[in-house]
Amino acid sequence: MFDEIVKAGRYLGQSMRLMVGLPEYDTYVAHCEANHPDQPVMSYEEFFKERQEARYGGAGKRGGCC
């Protein structure tokens, strides 16, 4: 029962982050490891800043492959 509550909490947190436009760092890391193993992975802080700039202030400055 406890495991189900924890799992539901994770899904709720993920859904709320996606609703406000915050992508998942873990998803980014998994994507990079699977598709770009030869390239360095951004730290969480770098990832968060890059995503904010891409969404709010980085018109035309989008980096990465996706």
N, C-alpha and C. Protein backbone atom coordinates (compact mmCIF):
# COMPACT_ATOMS: atom_id res chain seq x y z
N MET A 1 0.83 -1.19 0.00
CA MET A 1 0.00 0.00 0.00
C MET A 1 0.87 1.26 0.00
N PHE A 2 1.90 1.26 0.86
CA PHE A 2 2.79 2.43 0.93
C PHE A 2 3.46 2.67 -0.41
N ASP A 3 3.92 1.61 -1.08
CA ASP A 3 4.57 1.74 -2.38
C ASP A 3 3.64 2.37 -3.41
N GLU A 4 2.37 2.01 -3.36
CA GLU A 4 1.40 2.58 -4.29
C GLU A 4 1.20 4.07 -4.04
N ILE A 5 1.20 4.48 -2.79
CA ILE A 5 1.05 5.90 -2.44
C ILE A 5 2.27 6.68 -2.93
N VAL A 6 3.45 6.12 -2.72
CA VAL A 6 4.68 6.78 -3.18
C VAL A 6 4.67 6.92 -4.70
N LYS A 7 4.27 5.86 -5.39
CA LYS A 7 4.21 5.89 -6.85
C LYS A 7 3.20 6.93 -7.33
N ALA A 8 2.05 6.99 -6.69
CA ALA A 8 1.03 7.98 -7.05
C ALA A 8 1.57 9.39 -6.82
N GLY A 9 2.31 9.58 -5.74
CA GLY A 9 2.90 10.88 -5.45
C GLY A 9 3.90 11.30 -6.51
N ARG A 10 4.70 10.36 -7.00
CA ARG A 10 5.65 10.67 -8.07
C ARG A 10 4.93 11.09 -9.34
N TYR A 11 3.89 10.34 -9.69
CA TYR A 11 3.12 10.69 -10.90
C TYR A 11 2.45 12.05 -10.75
N LEU A 12 1.93 12.34 -9.58
CA LEU A 12 1.30 13.64 -9.35
C LEU A 12 2.32 14.76 -9.49
N GLY A 13 3.49 14.58 -8.88
CA GLY A 13 4.55 15.58 -8.98
C GLY A 13 4.99 15.80 -10.41
N GLN A 14 5.16 14.71 -11.15
CA GLN A 14 5.56 14.81 -12.55
C GLN A 14 4.49 15.55 -13.35
N SER A 15 3.23 15.21 -13.13
CA SER A 15 2.14 15.86 -13.85
C SER A 15 2.09 17.35 -13.56
N MET A 16 2.29 17.71 -12.31
CA MET A 16 2.24 19.14 -11.95
C MET A 16 3.41 19.89 -12.59
N ARG A 17 4.60 19.30 -12.60
CA ARG A 17 5.74 19.96 -13.24
C ARG A 17 5.49 20.15 -14.73
N LEU A 18 4.93 19.15 -15.37
CA LEU A 18 4.64 19.26 -16.80
C LEU A 18 3.57 20.30 -17.08
N MET A 19 2.59 20.43 -16.18
CA MET A 19 1.53 21.43 -16.37
C MET A 19 2.07 22.85 -16.35
N VAL A 20 3.11 23.09 -15.58
CA VAL A 20 3.67 24.43 -15.51
C VAL A 20 4.90 24.58 -16.41
N GLY A 21 5.20 23.55 -17.17
CA GLY A 21 6.26 23.64 -18.16
C GLY A 21 7.64 23.28 -17.69
N LEU A 22 7.78 22.55 -16.60
CA LEU A 22 9.09 22.12 -16.14
C LEU A 22 9.32 20.68 -16.56
N PRO A 23 10.25 20.46 -17.47
CA PRO A 23 10.50 19.09 -17.92
C PRO A 23 11.23 18.27 -16.86
N GLU A 24 11.23 16.98 -17.04
CA GLU A 24 11.86 16.06 -16.10
C GLU A 24 13.34 15.90 -16.41
N TYR A 25 14.18 16.16 -15.41
CA TYR A 25 15.62 15.99 -15.57
C TYR A 25 15.97 14.53 -15.81
N ASP A 26 15.33 13.62 -15.09
CA ASP A 26 15.62 12.19 -15.26
C ASP A 26 15.33 11.72 -16.68
N THR A 27 14.27 12.25 -17.28
CA THR A 27 13.93 11.90 -18.66
C THR A 27 15.02 12.42 -19.61
N TYR A 28 15.48 13.64 -19.35
CA TYR A 28 16.57 14.23 -20.15
C TYR A 28 17.83 13.37 -20.06
N VAL A 29 18.21 12.97 -18.83
CA VAL A 29 19.41 12.16 -18.64
C VAL A 29 19.28 10.83 -19.38
N ALA A 30 18.13 10.18 -19.25
CA ALA A 30 17.91 8.90 -19.94
C ALA A 30 18.01 9.07 -21.45
N HIS A 31 17.44 10.17 -21.98
CA HIS A 31 17.50 10.45 -23.41
C HIS A 31 18.96 10.63 -23.86
N CYS A 32 19.70 11.42 -23.08
CA CYS A 32 21.10 11.68 -23.44
C CYS A 32 21.93 10.40 -23.41
N GLU A 33 21.74 9.60 -22.38
CA GLU A 33 22.51 8.35 -22.27
C GLU A 33 22.18 7.38 -23.40
N ALA A 34 20.92 7.36 -23.82
CA ALA A 34 20.51 6.45 -24.88
C ALA A 34 20.89 6.94 -26.27
N ASN A 35 20.82 8.25 -26.49
CA ASN A 35 20.99 8.80 -27.83
C ASN A 35 22.29 9.55 -28.07
N HIS A 36 22.92 10.01 -27.01
CA HIS A 36 24.13 10.82 -27.14
C HIS A 36 25.17 10.41 -26.10
N PRO A 37 25.56 9.14 -26.06
CA PRO A 37 26.46 8.67 -25.01
C PRO A 37 27.84 9.31 -25.04
N ASP A 38 28.23 9.88 -26.17
CA ASP A 38 29.54 10.50 -26.31
C ASP A 38 29.56 11.96 -25.85
N GLN A 39 28.42 12.53 -25.53
CA GLN A 39 28.34 13.93 -25.12
C GLN A 39 28.10 14.05 -23.62
N PRO A 40 28.64 15.13 -23.01
CA PRO A 40 28.41 15.32 -21.57
C PRO A 40 26.95 15.66 -21.28
N VAL A 41 26.50 15.28 -20.09
CA VAL A 41 25.13 15.56 -19.65
C VAL A 41 25.17 16.80 -18.75
N MET A 42 24.25 17.73 -18.98
CA MET A 42 24.19 18.93 -18.14
C MET A 42 23.85 18.56 -16.70
N SER A 43 24.34 19.36 -15.77
CA SER A 43 23.93 19.21 -14.38
C SER A 43 22.47 19.63 -14.27
N TYR A 44 21.83 19.32 -13.14
CA TYR A 44 20.44 19.72 -12.96
C TYR A 44 20.30 21.24 -13.07
N GLU A 45 21.23 21.97 -12.47
CA GLU A 45 21.17 23.44 -12.50
C GLU A 45 21.30 23.96 -13.92
N GLU A 46 22.23 23.41 -14.70
CA GLU A 46 22.39 23.81 -16.10
C GLU A 46 21.15 23.48 -16.91
N PHE A 47 20.61 22.30 -16.68
CA PHE A 47 19.40 21.85 -17.39
C PHE A 47 18.23 22.79 -17.09
N PHE A 48 18.02 23.10 -15.81
CA PHE A 48 16.92 23.96 -15.40
C PHE A 48 17.05 25.34 -16.04
N LYS A 49 18.25 25.91 -15.99
CA LYS A 49 18.48 27.24 -16.57
C LYS A 49 18.26 27.22 -18.07
N GLU A 50 18.77 26.20 -18.75
CA GLU A 50 18.62 26.11 -20.20
C GLU A 50 17.15 25.99 -20.59
N ARG A 51 16.39 25.19 -19.85
CA ARG A 51 14.96 25.02 -20.14
C ARG A 51 14.20 26.32 -19.89
N GLN A 52 14.53 27.05 -18.83
CA GLN A 52 13.87 28.32 -18.57
C GLN A 52 14.17 29.32 -19.68
N GLU A 53 15.43 29.39 -20.09
CA GLU A 53 15.79 30.32 -21.16
C GLU A 53 15.10 29.95 -22.47
N ALA A 54 15.02 28.65 -22.75
CA ALA A 54 14.36 28.20 -23.98
C ALA A 54 12.87 28.55 -23.96
N ARG A 55 12.27 28.46 -22.79
CA ARG A 55 10.83 28.70 -22.70
C ARG A 55 10.48 30.18 -22.62
N TYR A 56 11.25 30.95 -21.85
CA TYR A 56 10.85 32.32 -21.56
C TYR A 56 11.73 33.40 -22.20
N GLY A 57 12.99 33.12 -22.43
CA GLY A 57 13.83 34.21 -22.90
C GLY A 57 14.85 33.85 -23.94
N GLY A 58 14.81 32.66 -24.43
CA GLY A 58 15.84 32.24 -25.35
C GLY A 58 15.34 32.04 -26.76
N ALA A 59 14.52 32.92 -27.26
CA ALA A 59 13.98 32.76 -28.61
C ALA A 59 15.12 32.65 -29.61
N GLY A 60 15.17 31.54 -30.30
CA GLY A 60 16.20 31.32 -31.31
C GLY A 60 17.50 30.80 -30.74
N LYS A 61 17.58 30.59 -29.44
CA LYS A 61 18.83 30.13 -28.83
C LYS A 61 18.72 28.72 -28.32
N ARG A 62 17.83 27.95 -28.85
CA ARG A 62 17.60 26.60 -28.36
C ARG A 62 18.77 25.69 -28.69
N GLY A 63 19.27 24.98 -27.67
CA GLY A 63 20.40 24.08 -27.89
C GLY A 63 19.95 22.64 -27.85
N GLY A 64 20.89 21.76 -28.10
CA GLY A 64 20.58 20.33 -28.04
C GLY A 64 19.95 19.84 -29.32
N CYS A 65 19.53 18.63 -29.29
CA CYS A 65 18.98 18.00 -30.50
C CYS A 65 17.47 18.07 -30.57
N CYS A 66 16.81 18.32 -29.44
CA CYS A 66 15.35 18.17 -29.42
C CYS A 66 14.62 19.43 -29.04
